Amino acid sequence: MQKELLFTKLKDWADAIVLSKHLVLVEGINDSRALCSLGVPKKQIVCLSGRPLYLVVEEIASKTKNCIVLTDLDKKGRQLFSRLSKDLIAHHVRINNAPREFLYHETKIRQIESISRYC
């Protein structure tokens, strides 16, 4: 029952991301696949995949003024989130933190790619 409830919450969470129409920045292809498995369109996802951060920031800033940064919630992911947030804000892009906060406070998910285990 617990897993079913979490799936429902994650599905609602993903639906809210889709409705926001914000670009979603993730670390890797597996993170992208996990979000797609919950219904987030691939065109709404921007993947770092080893690209220089400044290029990703410039790409996002050229496309939108609002985005969601969904890096992992481990130490490396938190550091990456901090750097990306600072750079995006410097480019006048607002960060929607609600999806990240939901994962941190409402679930035990710490790696974005592990979301697909609940689908």
PDB file of N, CA and C in Angstrom:
ATOM      1  N   MET A   1       0.821  -1.199   0.000  1.00  0.00           N
ATOM      2  CA  MET A   1       0.000   0.000   0.000  1.00  0.00           C
ATOM      3  C   MET A   1       0.858   1.252   0.000  1.00  0.00           C
ATOM      4  N   GLN A   2       1.947   1.247   0.746  1.00  0.00           N
ATOM      5  CA  GLN A   2       2.844   2.401   0.837  1.00  0.00           C
ATOM      6  C   GLN A   2       3.398   2.766  -0.539  1.00  0.00           C
ATOM      7  N   LYS A   3       3.800   1.755  -1.311  1.00  0.00           N
ATOM      8  CA  LYS A   3       4.369   1.996  -2.636  1.00  0.00           C
ATOM      9  C   LYS A   3       3.321   2.591  -3.575  1.00  0.00           C
ATOM     10  N   GLU A   4       2.078   2.127  -3.480  1.00  0.00           N
ATOM     11  CA  GLU A   4       0.999   2.652  -4.321  1.00  0.00           C
ATOM     12  C   GLU A   4       0.724   4.119  -3.999  1.00  0.00           C
ATOM     13  N   LEU A   5       0.743   4.457  -2.726  1.00  0.00           N
ATOM     14  CA  LEU A   5       0.529   5.841  -2.307  1.00  0.00           C
ATOM     15  C   LEU A   5       1.654   6.734  -2.827  1.00  0.00           C
ATOM     16  N   LEU A   6       2.893   6.239  -2.737  1.00  0.00           N
ATOM     17  CA  LEU A   6       4.024   7.014  -3.232  1.00  0.00           C
ATOM     18  C   LEU A   6       3.918   7.200  -4.741  1.00  0.00           C
ATOM     19  N   PHE A   7       3.517   6.154  -5.460  1.00  0.00           N
ATOM     20  CA  PHE A   7       3.346   6.282  -6.911  1.00  0.00           C
ATOM     21  C   PHE A   7       2.322   7.362  -7.223  1.00  0.00           C
ATOM     22  N   THR A   8       1.211   7.371  -6.514  1.00  0.00           N
ATOM     23  CA  THR A   8       0.171   8.380  -6.739  1.00  0.00           C
ATOM     24  C   THR A   8       0.712   9.781  -6.486  1.00  0.00           C
ATOM     25  N   LYS A   9       1.454   9.944  -5.396  1.00  0.00           N
ATOM     26  CA  LYS A   9       2.049  11.250  -5.093  1.00  0.00           C
ATOM     27  C   LYS A   9       3.048  11.654  -6.171  1.00  0.00           C
ATOM     28  N   LEU A  10       3.880  10.697  -6.636  1.00  0.00           N
ATOM     29  CA  LEU A  10       4.857  10.998  -7.675  1.00  0.00           C
ATOM     30  C   LEU A  10       4.178  11.343  -8.991  1.00  0.00           C
ATOM     31  N   LYS A  11       3.086  10.652  -9.291  1.00  0.00           N
ATOM     32  CA  LYS A  11       2.355  10.958 -10.530  1.00  0.00           C
ATOM     33  C   LYS A  11       1.774  12.367 -10.465  1.00  0.00           C
ATOM     34  N   ASP A  12       1.193  12.738  -9.334  1.00  0.00           N
ATOM     35  CA  ASP A  12       0.675  14.100  -9.154  1.00  0.00           C
ATOM     36  C   ASP A  12       1.810  15.117  -9.239  1.00  0.00           C
ATOM     37  N   TRP A  13       2.941  14.784  -8.650  1.00  0.00           N
ATOM     38  CA  TRP A  13       4.129  15.638  -8.687  1.00  0.00           C
ATOM     39  C   TRP A  13       4.574  15.861 -10.131  1.00  0.00           C
ATOM     40  N   ALA A  14       4.652  14.777 -10.906  1.00  0.00           N
ATOM     41  CA  ALA A  14       5.058  14.878 -12.311  1.00  0.00           C
ATOM     42  C   ALA A  14       4.033  15.671 -13.120  1.00  0.00           C
ATOM     43  N   ASP A  15       2.755  15.460 -12.847  1.00  0.00           N
ATOM     44  CA  ASP A  15       1.705  16.218 -13.547  1.00  0.00           C
ATOM     45  C   ASP A  15       1.846  17.714 -13.276  1.00  0.00           C
ATOM     46  N   ALA A  16       2.192  18.069 -12.051  1.00  0.00           N
ATOM     47  CA  ALA A  16       2.388  19.476 -11.705  1.00  0.00           C
ATOM     48  C   ALA A  16       3.584  20.057 -12.474  1.00  0.00           C
ATOM     49  N   ILE A  17       4.625  19.265 -12.650  1.00  0.00           N
ATOM     50  CA  ILE A  17       5.788  19.709 -13.431  1.00  0.00           C
ATOM     51  C   ILE A  17       5.379  19.952 -14.878  1.00  0.00           C
ATOM     52  N   VAL A  18       4.624  19.016 -15.443  1.00  0.00           N
ATOM     53  CA  VAL A  18       4.178  19.153 -16.827  1.00  0.00           C
ATOM     54  C   VAL A  18       3.313  20.411 -16.982  1.00  0.00           C
ATOM     55  N   LEU A  19       2.385  20.609 -16.066  1.00  0.00           N
ATOM     56  CA  LEU A  19       1.500  21.775 -16.142  1.00  0.00           C
ATOM     57  C   LEU A  19       2.245  23.092 -15.973  1.00  0.00           C
ATOM     58  N   SER A  20       3.340  23.084 -15.225  1.00  0.00           N
ATOM     59  CA  SER A  20       4.116  24.309 -15.022  1.00  0.00           C
ATOM     60  C   SER A  20       4.781  24.771 -16.319  1.00  0.00           C
ATOM     61  N   LYS A  21       5.035  23.830 -17.221  1.00  0.00           N
ATOM     62  CA  LYS A  21       5.715  24.078 -18.493  1.00  0.00           C
ATOM     63  C   LYS A  21       7.140  24.602 -18.318  1.00  0.00           C
ATOM     64  N   HIS A  22       7.684  24.491 -17.097  1.00  0.00           N
ATOM     65  CA  HIS A  22       9.072  24.890 -16.857  1.00  0.00           C
ATOM     66  C   HIS A  22      10.007  23.833 -17.440  1.00  0.00           C
ATOM     67  N   LEU A  23      11.148  24.273 -17.956  1.00  0.00           N
ATOM     68  CA  LEU A  23      12.180  23.324 -18.334  1.00  0.00           C
ATOM     69  C   LEU A  23      12.705  22.674 -17.060  1.00  0.00           C
ATOM     70  N   VAL A  24      13.046  21.395 -17.156  1.00  0.00           N
ATOM     71  CA  VAL A  24      13.553  20.648 -16.011  1.00  0.00           C
ATOM     72  C   VAL A  24      14.995  20.247 -16.312  1.00  0.00           C
ATOM     73  N   LEU A  25      15.899  20.686 -15.481  1.00  0.00           N
ATOM     74  CA  LEU A  25      17.312  20.390 -15.654  1.00  0.00           C
ATOM     75  C   LEU A  25      17.685  19.188 -14.800  1.00  0.00           C
ATOM     76  N   VAL A  26      18.222  18.131 -15.443  1.00  0.00           N
ATOM     77  CA  VAL A  26      18.635  16.916 -14.737  1.00  0.00           C
ATOM     78  C   VAL A  26      20.095  16.614 -15.062  1.00  0.00           C
ATOM     79  N   GLU A  27      20.689  15.743 -14.249  1.00  0.00           N
ATOM     80  CA  GLU A  27      22.108  15.429 -14.417  1.00  0.00           C
ATOM     81  C   GLU A  27      22.396  14.517 -15.604  1.00  0.00           C
ATOM     82  N   GLY A  28      21.630  13.448 -15.768  1.00  0.00           N
ATOM     83  CA  GLY A  28      21.976  12.463 -16.785  1.00  0.00           C
ATOM     84  C   GLY A  28      20.783  11.882 -17.505  1.00  0.00           C
ATOM     85  N   ILE A  29      21.080  11.028 -18.463  1.00  0.00           N
ATOM     86  CA  ILE A  29      20.052  10.418 -19.320  1.00  0.00           C
ATOM     87  C   ILE A  29      19.118   9.525 -18.519  1.00  0.00           C
ATOM     88  N   ASN A  30      19.632   8.832 -17.499  1.00  0.00           N
ATOM     89  CA  ASN A  30      18.766   7.977 -16.680  1.00  0.00           C
ATOM     90  C   ASN A  30      17.762   8.806 -15.875  1.00  0.00           C
ATOM     91  N   ASP A  31      18.176   9.992 -15.455  1.00  0.00           N
ATOM     92  CA  ASP A  31      17.257  10.907 -14.771  1.00  0.00           C
ATOM     93  C   ASP A  31      16.152  11.338 -15.731  1.00  0.00           C
ATOM     94  N   SER A  32      16.555  11.633 -16.954  1.00  0.00           N
ATOM     95  CA  SER A  32      15.586  12.030 -17.978  1.00  0.00           C
ATOM     96  C   SER A  32      14.581  10.913 -18.245  1.00  0.00           C
ATOM     97  N   ARG A  33      15.075   9.698 -18.373  1.00  0.00           N
ATOM     98  CA  ARG A  33      14.194   8.546 -18.612  1.00  0.00           C
ATOM     99  C   ARG A  33      13.207   8.343 -17.460  1.00  0.00           C
ATOM    100  N   ALA A  34      13.689   8.535 -16.241  1.00  0.00           N
ATOM    101  CA  ALA A  34      12.824   8.359 -15.069  1.00  0.00           C
ATOM    102  C   ALA A  34      11.682   9.371 -15.092  1.00  0.00           C
ATOM    103  N   LEU A  35      11.986  10.620 -15.434  1.00  0.00           N
ATOM    104  CA  LEU A  35      10.930  11.634 -15.515  1.00  0.00           C
ATOM    105  C   LEU A  35       9.969  11.334 -16.662  1.00  0.00           C
ATOM    106  N   CYS A  36      10.501  10.879 -17.778  1.00  0.00           N
ATOM    107  CA  CYS A  36       9.641  10.509 -18.911  1.00  0.00           C
ATOM    108  C   CYS A  36       8.698   9.369 -18.540  1.00  0.00           C
ATOM    109  N   SER A  37       9.168   8.445 -17.702  1.00  0.00           N
ATOM    110  CA  SER A  37       8.320   7.315 -17.299  1.00  0.00           C
ATOM    111  C   SER A  37       7.124   7.784 -16.467  1.00  0.00           C
ATOM    112  N   LEU A  38       7.209   8.977 -15.892  1.00  0.00           N
ATOM    113  CA  LEU A  38       6.089   9.552 -15.132  1.00  0.00           C
ATOM    114  C   LEU A  38       5.260  10.519 -15.979  1.00  0.00           C
ATOM    115  N   GLY A  39       5.626  10.672 -17.243  1.00  0.00           N
ATOM    116  CA  GLY A  39       4.819  11.497 -18.137  1.00  0.00           C
ATOM    117  C   GLY A  39       5.366  12.876 -18.447  1.00  0.00           C
ATOM    118  N   VAL A  40       6.564  13.203 -17.956  1.00  0.00           N
ATOM    119  CA  VAL A  40       7.159  14.494 -18.299  1.00  0.00           C
ATOM    120  C   VAL A  40       7.701  14.380 -19.722  1.00  0.00           C
ATOM    121  N   PRO A  41       7.275  15.264 -20.634  1.00  0.00           N
ATOM    122  CA  PRO A  41       7.731  15.173 -22.027  1.00  0.00           C
ATOM    123  C   PRO A  41       9.232  15.423 -22.157  1.00  0.00           C
ATOM    124  N   LYS A  42       9.849  14.687 -23.043  1.00  0.00           N
ATOM    125  CA  LYS A  42      11.292  14.800 -23.257  1.00  0.00           C
ATOM    126  C   LYS A  42      11.689  16.227 -23.649  1.00  0.00           C
ATOM    127  N   LYS A  43      10.819  16.916 -24.391  1.00  0.00           N
ATOM    128  CA  LYS A  43      11.137  18.280 -24.834  1.00  0.00           C
ATOM    129  C   LYS A  43      11.185  19.272 -23.668  1.00  0.00           C
ATOM    130  N   GLN A  44      10.668  18.883 -22.518  1.00  0.00           N
ATOM    131  CA  GLN A  44      10.650  19.741 -21.334  1.00  0.00           C
ATOM    132  C   GLN A  44      11.888  19.506 -20.454  1.00  0.00           C
ATOM    133  N   ILE A  45      12.708  18.514 -20.820  1.00  0.00           N
ATOM    134  CA  ILE A  45      13.845  18.114 -19.998  1.00  0.00           C
ATOM    135  C   ILE A  45      15.156  18.524 -20.674  1.00  0.00           C
ATOM    136  N   VAL A  46      16.041  19.124 -19.900  1.00  0.00           N
ATOM    137  CA  VAL A  46      17.387  19.465 -20.362  1.00  0.00           C
ATOM    138  C   VAL A  46      18.360  18.639 -19.531  1.00  0.00           C
ATOM    139  N   CYS A  47      19.234  17.936 -20.204  1.00  0.00           N
ATOM    140  CA  CYS A  47      20.153  17.018 -19.550  1.00  0.00           C
ATOM    141  C   CYS A  47      21.578  17.582 -19.570  1.00  0.00           C
ATOM    142  N   LEU A  48      22.241  17.578 -18.417  1.00  0.00           N
ATOM    143  CA  LEU A  48      23.628  18.051 -18.345  1.00  0.00           C
ATOM    144  C   LEU A  48      24.555  17.133 -19.135  1.00  0.00           C
ATOM    145  N   SER A  49      24.495  15.850 -18.869  1.00  0.00           N
ATOM    146  CA  SER A  49      25.279  14.824 -19.574  1.00  0.00           C
ATOM    147  C   SER A  49      26.723  15.221 -19.849  1.00  0.00           C
ATOM    148  N   GLY A  50      27.398  15.774 -18.858  1.00  0.00           N
ATOM    149  CA  GLY A  50      28.815  16.086 -19.016  1.00  0.00           C
ATOM    150  C   GLY A  50      29.118  17.356 -19.781  1.00  0.00           C
ATOM    151  N   ARG A  51      28.096  18.074 -20.217  1.00  0.00           N
ATOM    152  CA  ARG A  51      28.330  19.330 -20.935  1.00  0.00           C
ATOM    153  C   ARG A  51      28.795  20.398 -19.944  1.00  0.00           C
ATOM    154  N   PRO A  52      29.562  21.371 -20.414  1.00  0.00           N
ATOM    155  CA  PRO A  52      29.970  22.455 -19.519  1.00  0.00           C
ATOM    156  C   PRO A  52      28.744  23.191 -18.962  1.00  0.00           C
ATOM    157  N   LEU A  53      28.786  23.495 -17.675  1.00  0.00           N
ATOM    158  CA  LEU A  53      27.640  24.129 -17.026  1.00  0.00           C
ATOM    159  C   LEU A  53      27.268  25.457 -17.665  1.00  0.00           C
ATOM    160  N   TYR A  54      28.258  26.242 -18.050  1.00  0.00           N
ATOM    161  CA  TYR A  54      27.940  27.548 -18.624  1.00  0.00           C
ATOM    162  C   TYR A  54      27.143  27.420 -19.915  1.00  0.00           C
ATOM    163  N   LEU A  55      27.404  26.376 -20.710  1.00  0.00           N
ATOM    164  CA  LEU A  55      26.630  26.179 -21.944  1.00  0.00           C
ATOM    165  C   LEU A  55      25.184  25.810 -21.638  1.00  0.00           C
ATOM    166  N   VAL A  56      24.994  24.969 -20.634  1.00  0.00           N
ATOM    167  CA  VAL A  56      23.645  24.568 -20.235  1.00  0.00           C
ATOM    168  C   VAL A  56      22.880  25.771 -19.686  1.00  0.00           C
ATOM    169  N   VAL A  57      23.536  26.572 -18.863  1.00  0.00           N
ATOM    170  CA  VAL A  57      22.906  27.770 -18.301  1.00  0.00           C
ATOM    171  C   VAL A  57      22.515  28.732 -19.416  1.00  0.00           C
ATOM    172  N   GLU A  58      23.402  28.947 -20.377  1.00  0.00           N
ATOM    173  CA  GLU A  58      23.094  29.841 -21.494  1.00  0.00           C
ATOM    174  C   GLU A  58      21.948  29.301 -22.343  1.00  0.00           C
ATOM    175  N   GLU A  59      21.914  27.976 -22.543  1.00  0.00           N
ATOM    176  CA  GLU A  59      20.822  27.347 -23.302  1.00  0.00           C
ATOM    177  C   GLU A  59      19.482  27.586 -22.612  1.00  0.00           C
ATOM    178  N   ILE A  60      19.443  27.346 -21.318  1.00  0.00           N
ATOM    179  CA  ILE A  60      18.197  27.521 -20.576  1.00  0.00           C
ATOM    180  C   ILE A  60      17.784  28.988 -20.566  1.00  0.00           C
ATOM    181  N   ALA A  61      18.735  29.880 -20.324  1.00  0.00           N
ATOM    182  CA  ALA A  61      18.426  31.317 -20.269  1.00  0.00           C
ATOM    183  C   ALA A  61      17.912  31.829 -21.609  1.00  0.00           C
ATOM    184  N   SER A  62      18.350  31.218 -22.706  1.00  0.00           N
ATOM    185  CA  SER A  62      17.885  31.650 -24.025  1.00  0.00           C
ATOM    186  C   SER A  62      16.474  31.139 -24.339  1.00  0.00           C
ATOM    187  N   LYS A  63      16.027  30.099 -23.607  1.00  0.00           N
ATOM    188  CA  LYS A  63      14.730  29.484 -23.881  1.00  0.00           C
ATOM    189  C   LYS A  63      13.625  29.900 -22.916  1.00  0.00           C
ATOM    190  N   THR A  64      13.984  30.221 -21.668  1.00  0.00           N
ATOM    191  CA  THR A  64      12.952  30.438 -20.653  1.00  0.00           C
ATOM    192  C   THR A  64      13.445  31.344 -19.533  1.00  0.00           C
ATOM    193  N   LYS A  65      12.515  31.805 -18.748  1.00  0.00           N
ATOM    194  CA  LYS A  65      12.849  32.599 -17.565  1.00  0.00           C
ATOM    195  C   LYS A  65      12.486  31.867 -16.271  1.00  0.00           C
ATOM    196  N   ASN A  66      12.011  30.621 -16.397  1.00  0.00           N
ATOM    197  CA  ASN A  66      11.659  29.793 -15.238  1.00  0.00           C
ATOM    198  C   ASN A  66      12.131  28.371 -15.496  1.00  0.00           C
ATOM    199  N   CYS A  67      12.711  27.740 -14.491  1.00  0.00           N
ATOM    200  CA  CYS A  67      13.093  26.342 -14.671  1.00  0.00           C
ATOM    201  C   CYS A  67      13.080  25.620 -13.326  1.00  0.00           C
ATOM    202  N   ILE A  68      13.197  24.305 -13.420  1.00  0.00           N
ATOM    203  CA  ILE A  68      13.271  23.427 -12.252  1.00  0.00           C
ATOM    204  C   ILE A  68      14.618  22.711 -12.337  1.00  0.00           C
ATOM    205  N   VAL A  69      15.377  22.738 -11.261  1.00  0.00           N
ATOM    206  CA  VAL A  69      16.659  22.033 -11.218  1.00  0.00           C
ATOM    207  C   VAL A  69      16.475  20.789 -10.358  1.00  0.00           C
ATOM    208  N   LEU A  70      16.560  19.623 -10.997  1.00  0.00           N
ATOM    209  CA  LEU A  70      16.390  18.356 -10.282  1.00  0.00           C
ATOM    210  C   LEU A  70      17.681  17.555 -10.311  1.00  0.00           C
ATOM    211  N   THR A  71      18.680  18.057  -9.612  1.00  0.00           N
ATOM    212  CA  THR A  71      19.894  17.265  -9.424  1.00  0.00           C
ATOM    213  C   THR A  71      19.647  16.327  -8.249  1.00  0.00           C
ATOM    214  N   ASP A  72      20.501  15.322  -8.133  1.00  0.00           N
ATOM    215  CA  ASP A  72      20.346  14.368  -7.040  1.00  0.00           C
ATOM    216  C   ASP A  72      20.451  15.084  -5.696  1.00  0.00           C
ATOM    217  N   LEU A  73      19.953  14.436  -4.673  1.00  0.00           N
ATOM    218  CA  LEU A  73      19.935  15.033  -3.340  1.00  0.00           C
ATOM    219  C   LEU A  73      21.107  14.557  -2.475  1.00  0.00           C
ATOM    220  N   ASP A  74      22.145  14.017  -3.119  1.00  0.00           N
ATOM    221  CA  ASP A  74      23.359  13.648  -2.399  1.00  0.00           C
ATOM    222  C   ASP A  74      24.296  14.862  -2.369  1.00  0.00           C
ATOM    223  N   LYS A  75      25.474  14.698  -1.787  1.00  0.00           N
ATOM    224  CA  LYS A  75      26.392  15.827  -1.630  1.00  0.00           C
ATOM    225  C   LYS A  75      26.778  16.450  -2.970  1.00  0.00           C
ATOM    226  N   LYS A  76      27.142  15.623  -3.930  1.00  0.00           N
ATOM    227  CA  LYS A  76      27.533  16.123  -5.250  1.00  0.00           C
ATOM    228  C   LYS A  76      26.360  16.846  -5.920  1.00  0.00           C
ATOM    229  N   GLY A  77      25.186  16.276  -5.816  1.00  0.00           N
ATOM    230  CA  GLY A  77      24.004  16.884  -6.409  1.00  0.00           C
ATOM    231  C   GLY A  77      23.643  18.214  -5.771  1.00  0.00           C
ATOM    232  N   ARG A  78      23.812  18.301  -4.454  1.00  0.00           N
ATOM    233  CA  ARG A  78      23.539  19.573  -3.760  1.00  0.00           C
ATOM    234  C   ARG A  78      24.528  20.653  -4.186  1.00  0.00           C
ATOM    235  N   GLN A  79      25.802  20.273  -4.359  1.00  0.00           N
ATOM    236  CA  GLN A  79      26.807  21.234  -4.820  1.00  0.00           C
ATOM    237  C   GLN A  79      26.492  21.705  -6.239  1.00  0.00           C
ATOM    238  N   LEU A  80      26.099  20.773  -7.085  1.00  0.00           N
ATOM    239  CA  LEU A  80      25.740  21.097  -8.460  1.00  0.00           C
ATOM    240  C   LEU A  80      24.517  22.001  -8.491  1.00  0.00           C
ATOM    241  N   PHE A  81      23.534  21.698  -7.655  1.00  0.00           N
ATOM    242  CA  PHE A  81      22.326  22.520  -7.563  1.00  0.00           C
ATOM    243  C   PHE A  81      22.688  23.955  -7.167  1.00  0.00           C
ATOM    244  N   SER A  82      23.563  24.096  -6.199  1.00  0.00           N
ATOM    245  CA  SER A  82      23.968  25.413  -5.726  1.00  0.00           C
ATOM    246  C   SER A  82      24.633  26.219  -6.847  1.00  0.00           C
ATOM    247  N   ARG A  83      25.535  25.588  -7.548  1.00  0.00           N
ATOM    248  CA  ARG A  83      26.250  26.277  -8.648  1.00  0.00           C
ATOM    249  C   ARG A  83      25.295  26.642  -9.782  1.00  0.00           C
ATOM    250  N   LEU A  84      24.455  25.690 -10.178  1.00  0.00           N
ATOM    251  CA  LEU A  84      23.504  25.956 -11.263  1.00  0.00           C
ATOM    252  C   LEU A  84      22.520  27.058 -10.874  1.00  0.00           C
ATOM    253  N   SER A  85      22.015  27.005  -9.658  1.00  0.00           N
ATOM    254  CA  SER A  85      21.068  28.017  -9.192  1.00  0.00           C
ATOM    255  C   SER A  85      21.691  29.403  -9.251  1.00  0.00           C
ATOM    256  N   LYS A  86      22.896  29.511  -8.733  1.00  0.00           N
ATOM    257  CA  LYS A  86      23.587  30.801  -8.730  1.00  0.00           C
ATOM    258  C   LYS A  86      23.760  31.322 -10.164  1.00  0.00           C
ATOM    259  N   ASP A  87      24.209  30.457 -11.063  1.00  0.00           N
ATOM    260  CA  ASP A  87      24.448  30.867 -12.447  1.00  0.00           C
ATOM    261  C   ASP A  87      23.149  31.191 -13.178  1.00  0.00           C
ATOM    262  N   LEU A  88      22.112  30.409 -12.940  1.00  0.00           N
ATOM    263  CA  LEU A  88      20.830  30.675 -13.596  1.00  0.00           C
ATOM    264  C   LEU A  88      20.222  31.988 -13.099  1.00  0.00           C
ATOM    265  N   ILE A  89      20.287  32.216 -11.806  1.00  0.00           N
ATOM    266  CA  ILE A  89      19.767  33.466 -11.246  1.00  0.00           C
ATOM    267  C   ILE A  89      20.529  34.659 -11.821  1.00  0.00           C
ATOM    268  N   ALA A  90      21.843  34.504 -12.004  1.00  0.00           N
ATOM    269  CA  ALA A  90      22.652  35.571 -12.607  1.00  0.00           C
ATOM    270  C   ALA A  90      22.208  35.858 -14.044  1.00  0.00           C
ATOM    271  N   HIS A  91      21.612  34.858 -14.683  1.00  0.00           N
ATOM    272  CA  HIS A  91      21.083  35.025 -16.048  1.00  0.00           C
ATOM    273  C   HIS A  91      19.580  35.345 -16.034  1.00  0.00           C
ATOM    274  N   HIS A  92      19.078  35.752 -14.889  1.00  0.00           N
ATOM    275  CA  HIS A  92      17.684  36.170 -14.711  1.00  0.00           C
ATOM    276  C   HIS A  92      16.677  35.046 -14.949  1.00  0.00           C
ATOM    277  N   VAL A  93      17.065  33.830 -14.574  1.00  0.00           N
ATOM    278  CA  VAL A  93      16.166  32.673 -14.650  1.00  0.00           C
ATOM    279  C   VAL A  93      15.745  32.340 -13.225  1.00  0.00           C
ATOM    280  N   ARG A  94      14.436  32.252 -13.002  1.00  0.00           N
ATOM    281  CA  ARG A  94      13.910  31.893 -11.685  1.00  0.00           C
ATOM    282  C   ARG A  94      13.873  30.381 -11.527  1.00  0.00           C
ATOM    283  N   ILE A  95      14.215  29.911 -10.322  1.00  0.00           N
ATOM    284  CA  ILE A  95      14.236  28.478 -10.033  1.00  0.00           C
ATOM    285  C   ILE A  95      12.989  28.125  -9.228  1.00  0.00           C
ATOM    286  N   ASN A  96      12.228  27.147  -9.733  1.00  0.00           N
ATOM    287  CA  ASN A  96      11.089  26.607  -8.994  1.00  0.00           C
ATOM    288  C   ASN A  96      11.621  25.453  -8.141  1.00  0.00           C
ATOM    289  N   ASN A  97      11.706  25.675  -6.838  1.00  0.00           N
ATOM    290  CA  ASN A  97      12.254  24.687  -5.916  1.00  0.00           C
ATOM    291  C   ASN A  97      11.239  23.678  -5.392  1.00  0.00           C
ATOM    292  N   ALA A  98       9.967  23.903  -5.626  1.00  0.00           N
ATOM    293  CA  ALA A  98       8.930  23.048  -5.044  1.00  0.00           C
ATOM    294  C   ALA A  98       9.096  21.558  -5.388  1.00  0.00           C
ATOM    295  N   PRO A  99       9.381  21.201  -6.645  1.00  0.00           N
ATOM    296  CA  PRO A  99       9.535  19.765  -6.941  1.00  0.00           C
ATOM    297  C   PRO A  99      10.703  19.124  -6.196  1.00  0.00           C
ATOM    298  N   ARG A 100      11.786  19.835  -6.073  1.00  0.00           N
ATOM    299  CA  ARG A 100      12.952  19.323  -5.353  1.00  0.00           C
ATOM    300  C   ARG A 100      12.646  19.186  -3.857  1.00  0.00           C
ATOM    301  N   GLU A 101      11.987  20.187  -3.306  1.00  0.00           N
ATOM    302  CA  GLU A 101      11.619  20.161  -1.890  1.00  0.00           C
ATOM    303  C   GLU A 101      10.657  19.003  -1.594  1.00  0.00           C
ATOM    304  N   PHE A 102       9.734  18.748  -2.523  1.00  0.00           N
ATOM    305  CA  PHE A 102       8.809  17.622  -2.353  1.00  0.00           C
ATOM    306  C   PHE A 102       9.589  16.314  -2.216  1.00  0.00           C
ATOM    307  N   LEU A 103      10.527  16.077  -3.118  1.00  0.00           N
ATOM    308  CA  LEU A 103      11.307  14.837  -3.057  1.00  0.00           C
ATOM    309  C   LEU A 103      12.067  14.734  -1.745  1.00  0.00           C
ATOM    310  N   TYR A 104      12.641  15.842  -1.309  1.00  0.00           N
ATOM    311  CA  TYR A 104      13.449  15.827  -0.095  1.00  0.00           C
ATOM    312  C   TYR A 104      12.603  15.589   1.153  1.00  0.00           C
ATOM    313  N   HIS A 105      11.453  16.259   1.236  1.00  0.00           N
ATOM    314  CA  HIS A 105      10.659  16.200   2.468  1.00  0.00           C
ATOM    315  C   HIS A 105       9.590  15.107   2.484  1.00  0.00           C
ATOM    316  N   GLU A 106       9.089  14.728   1.325  1.00  0.00           N
ATOM    317  CA  GLU A 106       7.961  13.796   1.275  1.00  0.00           C
ATOM    318  C   GLU A 106       8.334  12.372   0.866  1.00  0.00           C
ATOM    319  N   THR A 107       9.574  12.170   0.395  1.00  0.00           N
ATOM    320  CA  THR A 107       9.981  10.829  -0.037  1.00  0.00           C
ATOM    321  C   THR A 107      11.377  10.524   0.499  1.00  0.00           C
ATOM    322  N   LYS A 108      11.805   9.312   0.277  1.00  0.00           N
ATOM    323  CA  LYS A 108      13.179   8.926   0.609  1.00  0.00           C
ATOM    324  C   LYS A 108      14.038   8.869  -0.644  1.00  0.00           C
ATOM    325  N   ILE A 109      13.505   9.333  -1.756  1.00  0.00           N
ATOM    326  CA  ILE A 109      14.223   9.332  -3.026  1.00  0.00           C
ATOM    327  C   ILE A 109      15.345  10.356  -2.954  1.00  0.00           C
ATOM    328  N   ARG A 110      16.567   9.915  -3.251  1.00  0.00           N
ATOM    329  CA  ARG A 110      17.716  10.819  -3.242  1.00  0.00           C
ATOM    330  C   ARG A 110      18.402  10.883  -4.602  1.00  0.00           C
ATOM    331  N   GLN A 111      18.131   9.915  -5.471  1.00  0.00           N
ATOM    332  CA  GLN A 111      18.627   9.915  -6.839  1.00  0.00           C
ATOM    333  C   GLN A 111      17.418  10.004  -7.768  1.00  0.00           C
ATOM    334  N   ILE A 112      17.444  10.947  -8.679  1.00  0.00           N
ATOM    335  CA  ILE A 112      16.309  11.168  -9.573  1.00  0.00           C
ATOM    336  C   ILE A 112      16.016   9.913 -10.390  1.00  0.00           C
ATOM    337  N   GLU A 113      17.051   9.229 -10.830  1.00  0.00           N
ATOM    338  CA  GLU A 113      16.846   8.036 -11.659  1.00  0.00           C
ATOM    339  C   GLU A 113      16.094   6.926 -10.912  1.00  0.00           C
ATOM    340  N   SER A 114      16.115   6.939  -9.592  1.00  0.00           N
ATOM    341  CA  SER A 114      15.433   5.892  -8.831  1.00  0.00           C
ATOM    342  C   SER A 114      13.919   6.096  -8.794  1.00  0.00           C
ATOM    343  N   ILE A 115      13.430   7.205  -9.295  1.00  0.00           N
ATOM    344  CA  ILE A 115      11.986   7.433  -9.374  1.00  0.00           C
ATOM    345  C   ILE A 115      11.318   6.335 -10.202  1.00  0.00           C
ATOM    346  N   SER A 116      12.009   5.861 -11.221  1.00  0.00           N
ATOM    347  CA  SER A 116      11.422   4.848 -12.111  1.00  0.00           C
ATOM    348  C   SER A 116      11.116   3.537 -11.386  1.00  0.00           C
ATOM    349  N   ARG A 117      11.705   3.301 -10.239  1.00  0.00           N
ATOM    350  CA  ARG A 117      11.402   2.088  -9.461  1.00  0.00           C
ATOM    351  C   ARG A 117       9.970   2.085  -8.934  1.00  0.00           C
ATOM    352  N   TYR A 118       9.361   3.241  -8.848  1.00  0.00           N
ATOM    353  CA  TYR A 118       8.025   3.360  -8.276  1.00  0.00           C
ATOM    354  C   TYR A 118       6.933   3.386  -9.346  1.00  0.00           C
ATOM    355  N   CYS A 119       7.335   3.241 -10.599  1.00  0.00           N
ATOM    356  CA  CYS A 119       6.346   3.298 -11.695  1.00  0.00           C
ATOM    357  C   CYS A 119       5.913   1.925 -12.128  1.00  0.00           C
TER     358      CYS A 119
END
